[in-house]
Amino acid sequence: MNEPSLLWWIELVKVTIGLIAFFLAVYLVDRYRKNLRQLFVSIKKLIGLKIKSDRASSTLNKAISSQQVVVSEDDYQSALRRLKLISPRMRSVCILWVDDNHAHTHHERELLEQFGVHITIVSTSAQAEISLRNKKFLIFITDINREGLKTEGLDFVKRTVYAGISVWSIAYVKTYQDGLPKPPYFFGITNRPDHLIHLICDIIERERY
């Protein structure tokens, strides 16, 4: 066989192999279309979870840094795991947050909103009362020293109880709270972002089991 003929046969074999590979691929895609679709969906979900996890980790770090508190690596990871575990139940949870300086809790709100929580912010007790009477909130978060009164946050929650307004209340403050008693009518009080996450998750689990 002369050289031109040999080259022709080599090219023919290459083309034939290419065509066989192409039709085989078409057959496999058609045959396992459903399985491949499920695989792509699963991969997309995993990528989405990884992105959400990375965002949550970054935002929690910013919250801890902003509050200038010391949080161990174990406590930090525990809060992130709790968020991931309870995230399906967090969608559409409504929180009312009253504070006369919302700038210092920006990262905490951002973190919760990443998991589907709806947050309404107000700055005064009067605004908070109107909101509580006009809309159903699962959780009420408040500061303590507000509107020129050192215990306005505590007093406001007491007034809501006496008025028959039922809502889970959490005090989020700037002072160290370990070892201090929980105020009456409050589910919890803390100055730490990771502890705030656990308190919120505790309430959601009680209400949405």
N, C-alpha and C. Protein backbone atom coordinates (compact mmCIF):
# COMPACT_ATOMS: atom_id res chain seq x y z
N MET A 1 0.87 -1.20 0.00
CA MET A 1 0.00 0.00 0.00
C MET A 1 0.89 1.23 0.00
N ASN A 2 0.63 2.15 -0.98
CA ASN A 2 1.48 3.34 -1.05
C ASN A 2 1.13 4.31 0.06
N GLU A 3 1.99 5.30 0.25
CA GLU A 3 1.85 6.26 1.37
C GLU A 3 0.56 7.06 1.31
N PRO A 4 0.14 7.62 0.16
CA PRO A 4 -1.12 8.37 0.10
C PRO A 4 -2.32 7.54 0.54
N SER A 5 -2.34 6.29 0.11
CA SER A 5 -3.46 5.41 0.49
C SER A 5 -3.47 5.17 1.99
N LEU A 6 -2.29 4.98 2.58
CA LEU A 6 -2.18 4.76 4.02
C LEU A 6 -2.69 5.97 4.80
N LEU A 7 -2.29 7.14 4.35
CA LEU A 7 -2.75 8.36 5.02
C LEU A 7 -4.27 8.50 4.92
N TRP A 8 -4.81 8.11 3.74
CA TRP A 8 -6.27 8.20 3.55
C TRP A 8 -6.99 7.29 4.53
N TRP A 9 -6.48 6.08 4.70
CA TRP A 9 -7.11 5.14 5.63
C TRP A 9 -6.99 5.62 7.08
N ILE A 10 -5.87 6.21 7.41
CA ILE A 10 -5.69 6.74 8.78
C ILE A 10 -6.72 7.84 9.06
N GLU A 11 -6.90 8.73 8.09
CA GLU A 11 -7.89 9.81 8.27
C GLU A 11 -9.30 9.24 8.36
N LEU A 12 -9.59 8.22 7.58
CA LEU A 12 -10.91 7.59 7.61
C LEU A 12 -11.19 6.98 8.98
N VAL A 13 -10.15 6.32 9.52
CA VAL A 13 -10.31 5.72 10.85
C VAL A 13 -10.57 6.80 11.91
N LYS A 14 -9.83 7.90 11.78
CA LYS A 14 -10.01 9.00 12.74
C LYS A 14 -11.44 9.54 12.68
N VAL A 15 -11.92 9.77 11.45
CA VAL A 15 -13.28 10.29 11.28
C VAL A 15 -14.30 9.30 11.80
N THR A 16 -14.08 8.02 11.50
CA THR A 16 -15.01 6.98 11.96
C THR A 16 -15.09 6.93 13.48
N ILE A 17 -13.92 6.96 14.11
CA ILE A 17 -13.88 6.94 15.57
C ILE A 17 -14.59 8.17 16.14
N GLY A 18 -14.36 9.33 15.48
CA GLY A 18 -15.01 10.55 15.93
C GLY A 18 -16.53 10.46 15.83
N LEU A 19 -17.02 9.90 14.71
CA LEU A 19 -18.46 9.76 14.52
C LEU A 19 -19.06 8.78 15.53
N ILE A 20 -18.33 7.69 15.77
CA ILE A 20 -18.81 6.70 16.75
C ILE A 20 -18.90 7.34 18.13
N ALA A 21 -17.86 8.10 18.51
CA ALA A 21 -17.85 8.76 19.81
C ALA A 21 -19.00 9.77 19.91
N PHE A 22 -19.25 10.49 18.82
CA PHE A 22 -20.32 11.50 18.82
C PHE A 22 -21.68 10.84 19.01
N PHE A 23 -21.96 9.81 18.19
CA PHE A 23 -23.27 9.15 18.29
C PHE A 23 -23.44 8.42 19.62
N LEU A 24 -22.34 7.90 20.14
CA LEU A 24 -22.41 7.26 21.46
C LEU A 24 -22.75 8.28 22.53
N ALA A 25 -22.13 9.45 22.44
CA ALA A 25 -22.42 10.52 23.40
C ALA A 25 -23.87 10.96 23.30
N VAL A 26 -24.37 11.11 22.07
CA VAL A 26 -25.77 11.49 21.87
C VAL A 26 -26.70 10.45 22.48
N TYR A 27 -26.37 9.19 22.25
CA TYR A 27 -27.20 8.10 22.81
C TYR A 27 -27.21 8.12 24.33
N LEU A 28 -26.03 8.29 24.91
CA LEU A 28 -25.93 8.28 26.38
C LEU A 28 -26.66 9.47 26.99
N VAL A 29 -26.51 10.63 26.38
CA VAL A 29 -27.21 11.82 26.88
C VAL A 29 -28.71 11.61 26.83
N ASP A 30 -29.19 11.07 25.68
CA ASP A 30 -30.62 10.82 25.54
C ASP A 30 -31.09 9.74 26.51
N ARG A 31 -30.27 8.70 26.65
CA ARG A 31 -30.65 7.55 27.50
C ARG A 31 -30.69 7.93 28.97
N TYR A 32 -29.75 8.78 29.39
CA TYR A 32 -29.65 9.13 30.82
C TYR A 32 -29.93 10.62 31.05
N ARG A 33 -30.82 11.18 30.23
CA ARG A 33 -31.12 12.60 30.32
C ARG A 33 -31.63 12.99 31.71
N LYS A 34 -32.54 12.20 32.25
CA LYS A 34 -33.11 12.50 33.56
C LYS A 34 -32.05 12.46 34.65
N ASN A 35 -31.20 11.44 34.59
CA ASN A 35 -30.15 11.30 35.60
C ASN A 35 -29.15 12.46 35.51
N LEU A 36 -28.82 12.85 34.28
CA LEU A 36 -27.88 13.95 34.10
C LEU A 36 -28.48 15.26 34.59
N ARG A 37 -29.79 15.45 34.34
CA ARG A 37 -30.45 16.66 34.82
C ARG A 37 -30.40 16.73 36.34
N GLN A 38 -30.68 15.59 36.98
CA GLN A 38 -30.63 15.54 38.44
C GLN A 38 -29.21 15.80 38.95
N LEU A 39 -28.22 15.29 38.21
CA LEU A 39 -26.83 15.50 38.60
C LEU A 39 -26.47 16.97 38.53
N PHE A 40 -26.87 17.64 37.43
CA PHE A 40 -26.57 19.05 37.27
C PHE A 40 -27.28 19.89 38.34
N VAL A 41 -28.52 19.51 38.66
CA VAL A 41 -29.26 20.22 39.71
C VAL A 41 -28.57 20.07 41.05
N SER A 42 -28.11 18.86 41.34
CA SER A 42 -27.40 18.60 42.60
C SER A 42 -26.11 19.40 42.69
N ILE A 43 -25.37 19.43 41.57
CA ILE A 43 -24.12 20.20 41.54
C ILE A 43 -24.40 21.68 41.75
N LYS A 44 -25.46 22.18 41.10
CA LYS A 44 -25.83 23.58 41.24
C LYS A 44 -26.21 23.91 42.69
N LYS A 45 -26.94 23.00 43.33
CA LYS A 45 -27.32 23.21 44.73
C LYS A 45 -26.10 23.23 45.63
N LEU A 46 -25.16 22.30 45.38
CA LEU A 46 -23.95 22.24 46.19
C LEU A 46 -23.13 23.53 46.05
N ILE A 47 -23.04 24.02 44.82
CA ILE A 47 -22.31 25.27 44.59
C ILE A 47 -23.01 26.41 45.30
N GLY A 48 -24.36 26.44 45.23
CA GLY A 48 -25.13 27.48 45.91
C GLY A 48 -24.96 27.45 47.41
N LEU A 49 -24.96 26.23 47.99
CA LEU A 49 -24.76 26.08 49.43
C LEU A 49 -23.37 26.54 49.85
N LYS A 50 -22.38 26.23 49.00
CA LYS A 50 -21.00 26.64 49.31
C LYS A 50 -20.89 28.16 49.30
N ILE A 51 -21.51 28.80 48.31
CA ILE A 51 -21.49 30.26 48.23
C ILE A 51 -22.19 30.87 49.43
N LYS A 52 -23.37 30.30 49.79
CA LYS A 52 -24.12 30.82 50.93
C LYS A 52 -23.32 30.64 52.22
N SER A 53 -22.67 29.48 52.35
CA SER A 53 -21.87 29.20 53.53
C SER A 53 -20.71 30.18 53.66
N ASP A 54 -20.05 30.46 52.54
CA ASP A 54 -18.92 31.40 52.54
C ASP A 54 -19.39 32.80 52.91
N ARG A 55 -20.55 33.21 52.36
CA ARG A 55 -21.10 34.53 52.66
C ARG A 55 -21.47 34.64 54.13
N ALA A 56 -22.11 33.58 54.66
CA ALA A 56 -22.51 33.58 56.06
C ALA A 56 -21.30 33.67 56.98
N SER A 57 -20.25 32.91 56.65
CA SER A 57 -19.03 32.93 57.44
C SER A 57 -18.42 34.33 57.47
N SER A 58 -18.35 34.96 56.30
CA SER A 58 -17.78 36.31 56.20
C SER A 58 -18.61 37.33 56.99
N THR A 59 -19.93 37.24 56.85
CA THR A 59 -20.81 38.20 57.52
C THR A 59 -20.77 38.03 59.03
N LEU A 60 -20.74 36.79 59.51
CA LEU A 60 -20.64 36.56 60.95
C LEU A 60 -19.33 37.10 61.49
N ASN A 61 -18.25 36.92 60.75
CA ASN A 61 -16.96 37.48 61.16
C ASN A 61 -17.04 38.99 61.31
N LYS A 62 -17.71 39.64 60.35
CA LYS A 62 -17.85 41.09 60.41
C LYS A 62 -18.68 41.52 61.62
N ALA A 63 -19.73 40.77 61.92
CA ALA A 63 -20.58 41.09 63.07
C ALA A 63 -19.79 40.97 64.38
N ILE A 64 -19.01 39.91 64.50
CA ILE A 64 -18.20 39.70 65.70
C ILE A 64 -17.18 40.81 65.85
N SER A 65 -16.54 41.16 64.76
CA SER A 65 -15.55 42.24 64.78
C SER A 65 -16.20 43.57 65.14
N SER A 66 -17.38 43.83 64.59
CA SER A 66 -18.08 45.09 64.85
C SER A 66 -18.47 45.23 66.31
N GLN A 67 -18.90 44.11 66.92
CA GLN A 67 -19.32 44.15 68.32
C GLN A 67 -18.14 44.09 69.29
N GLN A 68 -16.96 43.82 68.76
CA GLN A 68 -15.74 43.78 69.57
C GLN A 68 -15.86 42.78 70.72
N VAL A 69 -16.32 41.59 70.39
CA VAL A 69 -16.43 40.53 71.39
C VAL A 69 -15.48 39.40 71.03
N VAL A 70 -15.18 38.58 72.00
CA VAL A 70 -14.30 37.43 71.79
C VAL A 70 -15.15 36.19 71.63
N VAL A 71 -15.02 35.53 70.50
CA VAL A 71 -15.78 34.31 70.22
C VAL A 71 -14.78 33.23 69.81
N SER A 72 -14.83 32.10 70.50
CA SER A 72 -13.90 31.01 70.18
C SER A 72 -14.25 30.41 68.82
N GLU A 73 -13.29 29.71 68.24
CA GLU A 73 -13.51 29.06 66.95
C GLU A 73 -14.63 28.03 67.04
N ASP A 74 -14.70 27.30 68.16
CA ASP A 74 -15.76 26.31 68.35
C ASP A 74 -17.13 26.97 68.36
N ASP A 75 -17.25 28.08 69.09
CA ASP A 75 -18.53 28.79 69.17
C ASP A 75 -18.90 29.39 67.81
N TYR A 76 -17.90 29.89 67.12
CA TYR A 76 -18.12 30.47 65.80
C TYR A 76 -18.65 29.42 64.83
N GLN A 77 -18.00 28.26 64.79
CA GLN A 77 -18.42 27.18 63.89
C GLN A 77 -19.77 26.62 64.31
N SER A 78 -20.02 26.59 65.61
CA SER A 78 -21.31 26.09 66.11
C SER A 78 -22.47 26.95 65.61
N ALA A 79 -22.28 28.26 65.61
CA ALA A 79 -23.32 29.17 65.13
C ALA A 79 -23.57 28.96 63.64
N LEU A 80 -22.51 28.79 62.87
CA LEU A 80 -22.66 28.57 61.43
C LEU A 80 -23.37 27.24 61.15
N ARG A 81 -23.02 26.20 61.91
CA ARG A 81 -23.68 24.91 61.71
C ARG A 81 -25.15 25.00 62.06
N ARG A 82 -25.45 25.76 63.09
CA ARG A 82 -26.86 25.92 63.51
C ARG A 82 -27.66 26.62 62.42
N LEU A 83 -27.08 27.64 61.83
CA LEU A 83 -27.76 28.35 60.75
C LEU A 83 -28.02 27.42 59.57
N LYS A 84 -27.02 26.63 59.21
CA LYS A 84 -27.16 25.71 58.09
C LYS A 84 -28.23 24.67 58.37
N LEU A 85 -28.27 24.17 59.60
CA LEU A 85 -29.22 23.13 59.98
C LEU A 85 -30.65 23.63 59.94
N ILE A 86 -30.86 24.83 60.42
CA ILE A 86 -32.23 25.34 60.57
C ILE A 86 -32.66 26.23 59.41
N SER A 87 -31.79 26.45 58.45
CA SER A 87 -32.07 27.40 57.37
C SER A 87 -33.41 27.17 56.65
N PRO A 88 -33.84 25.91 56.39
CA PRO A 88 -35.13 25.75 55.71
C PRO A 88 -36.30 26.32 56.51
N ARG A 89 -36.18 26.38 57.83
CA ARG A 89 -37.27 26.90 58.66
C ARG A 89 -37.21 28.41 58.83
N MET A 90 -36.12 29.03 58.37
CA MET A 90 -35.95 30.46 58.59
C MET A 90 -36.63 31.31 57.53
N ARG A 91 -36.99 30.69 56.41
CA ARG A 91 -37.60 31.44 55.33
C ARG A 91 -38.93 32.02 55.77
N SER A 92 -39.11 33.28 55.53
CA SER A 92 -40.36 34.00 55.83
C SER A 92 -40.58 34.27 57.32
N VAL A 93 -39.60 33.96 58.17
CA VAL A 93 -39.69 34.38 59.57
C VAL A 93 -39.62 35.91 59.63
N CYS A 94 -40.51 36.50 60.42
CA CYS A 94 -40.57 37.97 60.52
C CYS A 94 -40.03 38.42 61.88
N ILE A 95 -39.09 39.34 61.85
CA ILE A 95 -38.48 39.88 63.07
C ILE A 95 -38.66 41.39 63.09
N LEU A 96 -39.08 41.91 64.23
CA LEU A 96 -39.12 43.36 64.45
C LEU A 96 -37.92 43.72 65.31
N TRP A 97 -37.12 44.68 64.84
CA TRP A 97 -35.87 45.04 65.53
C TRP A 97 -35.92 46.53 65.84
N VAL A 98 -35.94 46.86 67.13
CA VAL A 98 -35.95 48.26 67.54
C VAL A 98 -34.62 48.63 68.17
N ASP A 99 -34.05 49.72 67.69
CA ASP A 99 -32.76 50.20 68.17
C ASP A 99 -32.62 51.64 67.71
N ASP A 100 -32.05 52.49 68.55
CA ASP A 100 -31.88 53.88 68.12
C ASP A 100 -30.56 54.08 67.37
N ASN A 101 -29.83 52.98 67.14
CA ASN A 101 -28.62 53.05 66.34
C ASN A 101 -28.47 51.74 65.56
N HIS A 102 -29.17 51.63 64.44
CA HIS A 102 -29.19 50.38 63.68
C HIS A 102 -27.88 50.13 62.94
N ALA A 103 -27.04 51.13 62.84
CA ALA A 103 -25.78 50.95 62.09
C ALA A 103 -24.92 49.85 62.71
N HIS A 104 -24.93 49.73 64.03
CA HIS A 104 -24.02 48.78 64.68
C HIS A 104 -24.55 47.34 64.65
N THR A 105 -25.77 47.12 64.12
CA THR A 105 -26.27 45.75 63.98
C THR A 105 -26.51 45.38 62.51
N HIS A 106 -25.89 46.13 61.63
CA HIS A 106 -26.08 45.91 60.19
C HIS A 106 -25.68 44.50 59.76
N HIS A 107 -24.55 44.01 60.23
CA HIS A 107 -24.06 42.71 59.79
C HIS A 107 -24.93 41.57 60.32
N GLU A 108 -25.44 41.71 61.53
CA GLU A 108 -26.32 40.68 62.08
C GLU A 108 -27.59 40.56 61.23
N ARG A 109 -28.15 41.70 60.86
CA ARG A 109 -29.36 41.67 60.04
C ARG A 109 -29.07 41.10 58.64
N GLU A 110 -27.94 41.49 58.09
CA GLU A 110 -27.54 40.97 56.78
C GLU A 110 -27.41 39.45 56.81
N LEU A 111 -26.82 38.93 57.88
CA LEU A 111 -26.64 37.49 58.02
C LEU A 111 -27.99 36.77 58.04
N LEU A 112 -28.93 37.28 58.82
CA LEU A 112 -30.24 36.65 58.92
C LEU A 112 -31.00 36.75 57.60
N GLU A 113 -30.89 37.87 56.94
CA GLU A 113 -31.59 38.06 55.67
C GLU A 113 -31.04 37.14 54.58
N GLN A 114 -29.78 36.75 54.69
CA GLN A 114 -29.21 35.80 53.74
C GLN A 114 -29.93 34.46 53.79
N PHE A 115 -30.56 34.17 54.93
CA PHE A 115 -31.27 32.90 55.09
C PHE A 115 -32.79 33.07 54.97
N GLY A 116 -33.22 34.20 54.44
CA GLY A 116 -34.64 34.39 54.14
C GLY A 116 -35.46 35.06 55.22
N VAL A 117 -34.84 35.50 56.30
CA VAL A 117 -35.58 36.17 57.37
C VAL A 117 -35.98 37.58 56.92
N HIS A 118 -37.21 37.97 57.24
CA HIS A 118 -37.69 39.33 56.93
C HIS A 118 -37.58 40.19 58.19
N ILE A 119 -36.85 41.29 58.09
CA ILE A 119 -36.60 42.13 59.26
C ILE A 119 -37.17 43.53 59.03
N THR A 120 -37.94 43.98 60.00
CA THR A 120 -38.45 45.36 60.01
C THR A 120 -37.71 46.12 61.10
N ILE A 121 -37.13 47.26 60.76
CA ILE A 121 -36.41 48.03 61.77
C ILE A 121 -37.16 49.31 62.11
N VAL A 122 -37.18 49.62 63.39
CA VAL A 122 -37.75 50.87 63.90
C VAL A 122 -36.79 51.43 64.94
N SER A 123 -36.99 52.69 65.30
CA SER A 123 -36.03 53.35 66.19
C SER A 123 -36.61 53.74 67.55
N THR A 124 -37.92 53.69 67.70
CA THR A 124 -38.54 54.11 68.96
C THR A 124 -39.56 53.09 69.44
N SER A 125 -39.90 53.18 70.70
CA SER A 125 -40.91 52.28 71.26
C SER A 125 -42.27 52.53 70.64
N ALA A 126 -42.57 53.79 70.37
CA ALA A 126 -43.86 54.12 69.76
C ALA A 126 -44.00 53.45 68.39
N GLN A 127 -42.93 53.51 67.59
CA GLN A 127 -42.95 52.86 66.28
C GLN A 127 -43.05 51.34 66.43
N ALA A 128 -42.35 50.81 67.42
CA ALA A 128 -42.39 49.37 67.65
C ALA A 128 -43.79 48.91 68.05
N GLU A 129 -44.46 49.67 68.88
CA GLU A 129 -45.82 49.30 69.31
C GLU A 129 -46.78 49.28 68.13
N ILE A 130 -46.68 50.28 67.26
CA ILE A 130 -47.54 50.34 66.08
C ILE A 130 -47.29 49.11 65.19
N SER A 131 -46.02 48.77 65.01
CA SER A 131 -45.67 47.62 64.17
C SER A 131 -46.20 46.32 64.76
N LEU A 132 -46.06 46.15 66.07
CA LEU A 132 -46.51 44.93 66.73
C LEU A 132 -48.03 44.78 66.68
N ARG A 133 -48.73 45.88 66.69
CA ARG A 133 -50.20 45.83 66.65
C ARG A 133 -50.72 45.61 65.22
N ASN A 134 -49.93 45.99 64.23
CA ASN A 134 -50.40 45.92 62.85
C ASN A 134 -49.91 44.71 62.08
N LYS A 135 -48.91 44.01 62.62
CA LYS A 135 -48.35 42.87 61.89
C LYS A 135 -47.88 41.80 62.87
N LYS A 136 -47.95 40.57 62.43
CA LYS A 136 -47.53 39.45 63.26
C LYS A 136 -46.03 39.21 63.08
N PHE A 137 -45.30 39.32 64.18
CA PHE A 137 -43.86 39.04 64.18
C PHE A 137 -43.60 37.84 65.09
N LEU A 138 -42.68 36.99 64.66
CA LEU A 138 -42.32 35.86 65.51
C LEU A 138 -41.38 36.29 66.61
N ILE A 139 -40.47 37.21 66.30
CA ILE A 139 -39.42 37.61 67.24
C ILE A 139 -39.31 39.12 67.31
N PHE A 140 -39.08 39.62 68.51
CA PHE A 140 -38.86 41.04 68.74
C PHE A 140 -37.48 41.20 69.37
N ILE A 141 -36.61 41.97 68.71
CA ILE A 141 -35.26 42.22 69.23
C ILE A 141 -35.15 43.69 69.61
N THR A 142 -34.60 43.95 70.78
CA THR A 142 -34.53 45.32 71.26
C THR A 142 -33.20 45.61 71.96
N ASP A 143 -32.81 46.88 71.92
CA ASP A 143 -31.72 47.31 72.79
C ASP A 143 -32.32 47.65 74.14
N ILE A 144 -31.51 48.12 75.08
CA ILE A 144 -32.02 48.42 76.43
C ILE A 144 -32.06 49.93 76.67
N ASN A 145 -30.92 50.56 76.50
CA ASN A 145 -30.81 52.01 76.73
C ASN A 145 -31.24 52.73 75.45
N ARG A 146 -32.41 53.37 75.51
CA ARG A 146 -32.96 53.97 74.29
C ARG A 146 -33.83 55.18 74.64
N GLU A 147 -33.82 56.13 73.74
CA GLU A 147 -34.67 57.33 73.86
C GLU A 147 -34.42 58.09 75.17
N GLY A 148 -33.15 58.07 75.59
CA GLY A 148 -32.78 58.81 76.80
C GLY A 148 -33.13 58.09 78.09
N LEU A 149 -33.63 56.86 78.00
CA LEU A 149 -34.02 56.09 79.19
C LEU A 149 -33.19 54.82 79.28
N LYS A 150 -32.56 54.58 80.41
CA LYS A 150 -31.61 53.48 80.55
C LYS A 150 -32.25 52.10 80.47
N THR A 151 -33.53 52.01 80.78
CA THR A 151 -34.19 50.69 80.78
C THR A 151 -35.41 50.66 79.86
N GLU A 152 -35.44 51.52 78.85
CA GLU A 152 -36.62 51.60 77.98
C GLU A 152 -36.89 50.27 77.27
N GLY A 153 -35.86 49.58 76.86
CA GLY A 153 -36.07 48.29 76.19
C GLY A 153 -36.76 47.29 77.10
N LEU A 154 -36.32 47.21 78.33
CA LEU A 154 -36.94 46.32 79.31
C LEU A 154 -38.37 46.75 79.61
N ASP A 155 -38.55 48.03 79.84
CA ASP A 155 -39.87 48.55 80.19
C ASP A 155 -40.87 48.37 79.06
N PHE A 156 -40.39 48.53 77.82
CA PHE A 156 -41.30 48.39 76.69
C PHE A 156 -41.83 46.97 76.58
N VAL A 157 -40.95 45.98 76.73
CA VAL A 157 -41.39 44.59 76.65
C VAL A 157 -42.39 44.28 77.76
N LYS A 158 -42.15 44.81 78.94
CA LYS A 158 -43.09 44.62 80.04
C LYS A 158 -44.45 45.22 79.68
N ARG A 159 -44.45 46.37 79.05
CA ARG A 159 -45.71 47.01 78.66
C ARG A 159 -46.44 46.19 77.60
N THR A 160 -45.69 45.58 76.68
CA THR A 160 -46.35 44.76 75.66
C THR A 160 -47.01 43.54 76.28
N VAL A 161 -46.39 42.97 77.29
CA VAL A 161 -46.97 41.81 77.98
C VAL A 161 -48.27 42.21 78.64
N TYR A 162 -48.25 43.33 79.35
CA TYR A 162 -49.45 43.81 80.02
C TYR A 162 -50.55 44.17 79.04
N ALA A 163 -50.15 44.57 77.82
CA ALA A 163 -51.13 44.94 76.80
C ALA A 163 -51.64 43.72 76.03
N GLY A 164 -51.14 42.55 76.37
CA GLY A 164 -51.61 41.33 75.72
C GLY A 164 -50.99 41.06 74.36
N ILE A 165 -49.85 41.71 74.07
CA ILE A 165 -49.15 41.49 72.81
C ILE A 165 -48.15 40.36 73.02
N SER A 166 -48.34 39.26 72.29
CA SER A 166 -47.50 38.08 72.48
C SER A 166 -46.42 38.00 71.41
N VAL A 167 -45.16 38.06 71.81
CA VAL A 167 -44.04 37.94 70.87
C VAL A 167 -42.80 37.51 71.65
N TRP A 168 -42.00 36.65 71.05
CA TRP A 168 -40.75 36.24 71.67
C TRP A 168 -39.79 37.44 71.66
N SER A 169 -39.23 37.77 72.82
CA SER A 169 -38.39 38.96 72.93
C SER A 169 -36.95 38.61 73.28
N ILE A 170 -36.02 39.26 72.57
CA ILE A 170 -34.59 39.09 72.82
C ILE A 170 -33.97 40.47 72.99
N ALA A 171 -33.14 40.63 74.00
CA ALA A 171 -32.40 41.88 74.19
C ALA A 171 -31.00 41.70 73.61
N TYR A 172 -30.64 42.59 72.68
CA TYR A 172 -29.31 42.55 72.08
C TYR A 172 -28.60 43.83 72.49
N VAL A 173 -27.59 43.68 73.32
CA VAL A 173 -27.00 44.83 74.00
C VAL A 173 -25.50 44.93 73.72
N LYS A 174 -24.88 45.94 74.30
CA LYS A 174 -23.46 46.18 74.05
C LYS A 174 -22.58 45.74 75.23
N THR A 175 -23.20 45.35 76.32
CA THR A 175 -22.43 45.02 77.52
C THR A 175 -22.34 43.52 77.74
N TYR A 176 -21.28 43.10 78.39
CA TYR A 176 -21.01 41.70 78.70
C TYR A 176 -22.12 41.13 79.57
N GLN A 177 -22.66 39.96 79.20
CA GLN A 177 -23.84 39.42 79.89
C GLN A 177 -23.62 38.08 80.57
N ASP A 178 -22.48 37.42 80.33
CA ASP A 178 -22.27 36.09 80.91
C ASP A 178 -22.42 36.11 82.42
N GLY A 179 -23.25 35.21 82.94
CA GLY A 179 -23.45 35.09 84.38
C GLY A 179 -24.52 36.00 84.93
N LEU A 180 -25.03 36.93 84.13
CA LEU A 180 -26.07 37.84 84.59
C LEU A 180 -27.45 37.22 84.37
N PRO A 181 -28.41 37.54 85.24
CA PRO A 181 -29.75 36.94 85.09
C PRO A 181 -30.48 37.48 83.86
N LYS A 182 -31.35 36.66 83.31
CA LYS A 182 -32.17 37.05 82.17
C LYS A 182 -33.30 37.95 82.67
N PRO A 183 -33.55 39.08 82.02
CA PRO A 183 -34.63 39.97 82.45
C PRO A 183 -36.00 39.30 82.34
N PRO A 184 -36.94 39.69 83.18
CA PRO A 184 -38.29 39.13 83.09
C PRO A 184 -38.91 39.40 81.72
N TYR A 185 -39.69 38.44 81.23
CA TYR A 185 -40.44 38.53 79.97
C TYR A 185 -39.55 38.39 78.73
N PHE A 186 -38.27 38.16 78.93
CA PHE A 186 -37.36 38.00 77.79
C PHE A 186 -36.99 36.53 77.61
N PHE A 187 -36.87 36.12 76.34
CA PHE A 187 -36.39 34.77 76.05
C PHE A 187 -34.89 34.68 76.30
N GLY A 188 -34.19 35.79 76.06
CA GLY A 188 -32.75 35.80 76.28
C GLY A 188 -32.18 37.19 76.10
N ILE A 189 -30.94 37.35 76.54
CA ILE A 189 -30.23 38.62 76.40
C ILE A 189 -28.76 38.32 76.12
N THR A 190 -28.15 39.04 75.20
CA THR A 190 -26.75 38.78 74.85
C THR A 190 -26.12 39.98 74.17
N ASN A 191 -24.80 40.00 74.18
CA ASN A 191 -24.05 41.00 73.42
C ASN A 191 -23.22 40.34 72.32
N ARG A 192 -23.42 39.02 72.13
CA ARG A 192 -22.61 38.28 71.18
C ARG A 192 -23.43 37.85 69.96
N PRO A 193 -22.93 38.09 68.75
CA PRO A 193 -23.66 37.68 67.55
C PRO A 193 -23.94 36.18 67.48
N ASP A 194 -22.96 35.36 67.90
CA ASP A 194 -23.17 33.91 67.83
C ASP A 194 -24.27 33.47 68.78
N HIS A 195 -24.32 34.08 69.96
CA HIS A 195 -25.39 33.74 70.91
C HIS A 195 -26.75 34.23 70.40
N LEU A 196 -26.75 35.37 69.74
CA LEU A 196 -28.00 35.89 69.16
C LEU A 196 -28.54 34.88 68.14
N ILE A 197 -27.66 34.33 67.32
CA ILE A 197 -28.08 33.33 66.34
C ILE A 197 -28.73 32.13 67.03
N HIS A 198 -28.10 31.64 68.09
CA HIS A 198 -28.65 30.48 68.79
C HIS A 198 -30.01 30.80 69.42
N LEU A 199 -30.16 31.99 69.98
CA LEU A 199 -31.45 32.36 70.58
C LEU A 199 -32.54 32.40 69.52
N ILE A 200 -32.24 32.99 68.39
CA ILE A 200 -33.22 33.07 67.30
C ILE A 200 -33.57 31.67 66.80
N CYS A 201 -32.56 30.83 66.62
CA CYS A 201 -32.80 29.46 66.15
C CYS A 201 -33.61 28.66 67.17
N ASP A 202 -33.35 28.88 68.45
CA ASP A 202 -34.13 28.20 69.50
C ASP A 202 -35.62 28.53 69.36
N ILE A 203 -35.91 29.80 69.15
CA ILE A 203 -37.31 30.23 69.03
C ILE A 203 -37.95 29.63 67.78
N ILE A 204 -37.23 29.69 66.67
CA ILE A 204 -37.77 29.15 65.42
C ILE A 204 -38.05 27.66 65.55
N GLU A 205 -37.16 26.94 66.21
CA GLU A 205 -37.37 25.50 66.40
C GLU A 205 -38.59 25.21 67.28
N ARG A 206 -38.83 26.06 68.26
CA ARG A 206 -39.98 25.88 69.13
C ARG A 206 -41.29 26.13 68.39
N GLU A 207 -41.26 27.09 67.49
CA GLU A 207 -42.47 27.49 66.78
C GLU A 207 -42.69 26.71 65.49
N ARG A 208 -41.61 26.20 64.89
CA ARG A 208 -41.72 25.55 63.57
C ARG A 208 -41.08 24.17 63.58
N TYR A 209 -41.56 23.33 64.45
CA TYR A 209 -41.02 21.97 64.52
C TYR A 209 -41.74 21.07 63.52
